[in-house]
Amino acid sequence: MLKTAEQVKAEYRAKGITISSIARQQGWTPQEVYKVLNGQYKGNFGKAHDIAVFFGLKAKPISTQ
């Protein structure tokens, strides 16, 4: 089931984990992650897509191999 950005933020807030710390652990900048969560990056391609998939905002792509 896909999540909304607000659900993702609330989930991590409830766990006491900052979005910035998750971003750094995954090798992303906090700014990149917040732009995806705030809708400035749509998450259609590249790193933004990887971020959206990681947080459950988009479904994982189906492999064709």
N, C-alpha and C. Protein backbone atom coordinates (compact mmCIF):
# COMPACT_ATOMS: atom_id res chain seq x y z
N MET A 1 0.84 -1.19 0.00
CA MET A 1 0.00 0.00 0.00
C MET A 1 0.88 1.25 0.00
N LEU A 2 0.57 2.15 -0.86
CA LEU A 2 1.34 3.38 -0.96
C LEU A 2 0.97 4.33 0.17
N LYS A 3 1.93 5.15 0.56
CA LYS A 3 1.73 6.11 1.64
C LYS A 3 1.71 7.53 1.08
N THR A 4 1.14 8.42 1.84
CA THR A 4 1.24 9.84 1.51
C THR A 4 2.48 10.41 2.20
N ALA A 5 2.92 11.56 1.74
CA ALA A 5 4.08 12.20 2.37
C ALA A 5 3.79 12.51 3.84
N GLU A 6 2.57 12.91 4.14
CA GLU A 6 2.21 13.20 5.53
C GLU A 6 2.28 11.94 6.40
N GLN A 7 1.88 10.81 5.85
CA GLN A 7 1.97 9.55 6.58
C GLN A 7 3.42 9.19 6.87
N VAL A 8 4.27 9.39 5.88
CA VAL A 8 5.70 9.09 6.06
C VAL A 8 6.28 9.98 7.16
N LYS A 9 6.00 11.26 7.10
CA LYS A 9 6.51 12.19 8.10
C LYS A 9 6.00 11.82 9.50
N ALA A 10 4.72 11.50 9.61
CA ALA A 10 4.14 11.14 10.90
C ALA A 10 4.74 9.84 11.44
N GLU A 11 4.97 8.89 10.55
CA GLU A 11 5.55 7.60 10.96
C GLU A 11 6.93 7.79 11.59
N TYR A 12 7.79 8.55 10.92
CA TYR A 12 9.13 8.77 11.44
C TYR A 12 9.11 9.67 12.67
N ARG A 13 8.21 10.63 12.71
CA ARG A 13 8.07 11.50 13.88
C ARG A 13 7.69 10.66 15.10
N ALA A 14 6.75 9.72 14.92
CA ALA A 14 6.31 8.85 16.02
C ALA A 14 7.44 7.96 16.53
N LYS A 15 8.35 7.58 15.63
CA LYS A 15 9.50 6.75 16.00
C LYS A 15 10.65 7.57 16.58
N GLY A 16 10.54 8.89 16.49
CA GLY A 16 11.61 9.75 16.98
C GLY A 16 12.82 9.78 16.07
N ILE A 17 12.60 9.52 14.79
CA ILE A 17 13.68 9.50 13.80
C ILE A 17 13.49 10.68 12.86
N THR A 18 14.57 11.42 12.64
CA THR A 18 14.45 12.57 11.74
C THR A 18 14.59 12.13 10.28
N ILE A 19 13.94 12.85 9.44
CA ILE A 19 14.05 12.60 8.00
C ILE A 19 15.49 12.85 7.55
N SER A 20 16.12 13.85 8.13
CA SER A 20 17.51 14.16 7.77
C SER A 20 18.44 12.99 8.06
N SER A 21 18.25 12.33 9.20
CA SER A 21 19.13 11.21 9.54
C SER A 21 18.92 10.04 8.59
N ILE A 22 17.68 9.78 8.20
CA ILE A 22 17.41 8.71 7.23
C ILE A 22 18.06 9.07 5.89
N ALA A 23 17.94 10.33 5.49
CA ALA A 23 18.52 10.77 4.22
C ALA A 23 20.02 10.51 4.21
N ARG A 24 20.70 10.91 5.27
CA ARG A 24 22.16 10.73 5.32
C ARG A 24 22.54 9.26 5.33
N GLN A 25 21.78 8.43 6.03
CA GLN A 25 22.06 6.99 6.07
C GLN A 25 21.95 6.37 4.68
N GLN A 26 21.05 6.89 3.87
CA GLN A 26 20.82 6.34 2.54
C GLN A 26 21.71 6.99 1.47
N GLY A 27 22.51 8.00 1.86
CA GLY A 27 23.39 8.66 0.91
C GLY A 27 22.75 9.79 0.14
N TRP A 28 21.63 10.29 0.64
CA TRP A 28 20.93 11.41 0.01
C TRP A 28 21.11 12.64 0.87
N THR A 29 20.89 13.80 0.29
CA THR A 29 20.90 15.01 1.11
C THR A 29 19.50 15.19 1.70
N PRO A 30 19.43 15.79 2.87
CA PRO A 30 18.10 16.07 3.44
C PRO A 30 17.24 16.92 2.52
N GLN A 31 17.87 17.84 1.78
CA GLN A 31 17.12 18.70 0.87
C GLN A 31 16.43 17.89 -0.22
N GLU A 32 17.13 16.89 -0.76
CA GLU A 32 16.55 16.04 -1.80
C GLU A 32 15.32 15.32 -1.27
N VAL A 33 15.44 14.78 -0.07
CA VAL A 33 14.34 14.01 0.51
C VAL A 33 13.15 14.93 0.79
N TYR A 34 13.41 16.08 1.38
CA TYR A 34 12.31 17.00 1.68
C TYR A 34 11.63 17.50 0.41
N LYS A 35 12.38 17.68 -0.66
CA LYS A 35 11.77 18.12 -1.92
C LYS A 35 10.84 17.04 -2.48
N VAL A 36 11.20 15.78 -2.30
CA VAL A 36 10.30 14.70 -2.71
C VAL A 36 9.07 14.69 -1.81
N LEU A 37 9.28 14.74 -0.50
CA LEU A 37 8.16 14.67 0.44
C LEU A 37 7.23 15.88 0.33
N ASN A 38 7.78 17.02 -0.04
CA ASN A 38 6.96 18.24 -0.15
C ASN A 38 6.41 18.46 -1.56
N GLY A 39 6.69 17.53 -2.48
CA GLY A 39 6.10 17.62 -3.81
C GLY A 39 6.84 18.49 -4.81
N GLN A 40 8.00 19.03 -4.43
CA GLN A 40 8.76 19.84 -5.38
C GLN A 40 9.43 18.96 -6.43
N TYR A 41 9.85 17.76 -6.03
CA TYR A 41 10.33 16.75 -6.97
C TYR A 41 9.25 15.69 -7.05
N LYS A 42 8.86 15.32 -8.23
CA LYS A 42 7.76 14.36 -8.42
C LYS A 42 8.18 12.91 -8.21
N GLY A 43 9.47 12.65 -8.28
CA GLY A 43 9.92 11.28 -8.07
C GLY A 43 9.71 10.37 -9.26
N ASN A 44 9.75 10.92 -10.44
CA ASN A 44 9.55 10.11 -11.64
C ASN A 44 10.82 9.46 -12.15
N PHE A 45 11.97 10.08 -11.87
CA PHE A 45 13.23 9.60 -12.43
C PHE A 45 14.35 9.68 -11.40
N GLY A 46 15.38 8.88 -11.62
CA GLY A 46 16.64 9.00 -10.89
C GLY A 46 16.53 8.91 -9.39
N LYS A 47 17.32 9.76 -8.74
CA LYS A 47 17.42 9.74 -7.29
C LYS A 47 16.07 10.06 -6.63
N ALA A 48 15.34 10.99 -7.19
CA ALA A 48 14.03 11.34 -6.63
C ALA A 48 13.09 10.13 -6.66
N HIS A 49 13.17 9.35 -7.72
CA HIS A 49 12.35 8.14 -7.81
C HIS A 49 12.78 7.13 -6.75
N ASP A 50 14.09 6.97 -6.57
CA ASP A 50 14.60 6.06 -5.55
C ASP A 50 14.11 6.46 -4.16
N ILE A 51 14.10 7.75 -3.89
CA ILE A 51 13.63 8.26 -2.59
C ILE A 51 12.14 7.96 -2.42
N ALA A 52 11.36 8.24 -3.46
CA ALA A 52 9.92 8.00 -3.39
C ALA A 52 9.61 6.53 -3.16
N VAL A 53 10.34 5.65 -3.82
CA VAL A 53 10.13 4.21 -3.64
C VAL A 53 10.55 3.79 -2.23
N PHE A 54 11.68 4.29 -1.73
CA PHE A 54 12.16 3.95 -0.40
C PHE A 54 11.12 4.27 0.67
N PHE A 55 10.50 5.43 0.57
CA PHE A 55 9.53 5.86 1.56
C PHE A 55 8.12 5.34 1.30
N GLY A 56 7.93 4.61 0.22
CA GLY A 56 6.62 4.03 -0.06
C GLY A 56 5.63 4.96 -0.73
N LEU A 57 6.15 6.04 -1.30
CA LEU A 57 5.28 6.98 -1.99
C LEU A 57 4.93 6.48 -3.38
N LYS A 58 5.82 5.65 -3.93
CA LYS A 58 5.62 5.06 -5.25
C LYS A 58 5.90 3.57 -5.16
N ALA A 59 5.28 2.82 -6.03
CA ALA A 59 5.50 1.37 -6.05
C ALA A 59 6.87 1.05 -6.63
N LYS A 60 7.43 -0.07 -6.19
CA LYS A 60 8.69 -0.52 -6.75
C LYS A 60 8.47 -0.92 -8.21
N PRO A 61 9.42 -0.55 -9.07
CA PRO A 61 9.25 -0.91 -10.49
C PRO A 61 9.31 -2.43 -10.67
N ILE A 62 8.55 -2.91 -11.60
CA ILE A 62 8.52 -4.34 -11.91
C ILE A 62 9.66 -4.63 -12.87
N SER A 63 10.49 -5.58 -12.52
CA SER A 63 11.62 -5.95 -13.35
C SER A 63 11.13 -6.71 -14.57
N THR A 64 11.70 -6.39 -15.71
CA THR A 64 11.30 -7.05 -16.95
C THR A 64 12.30 -8.13 -17.35
N GLN A 65 13.26 -8.40 -16.51
CA GLN A 65 14.28 -9.42 -16.83
C GLN A 65 13.86 -10.79 -16.38
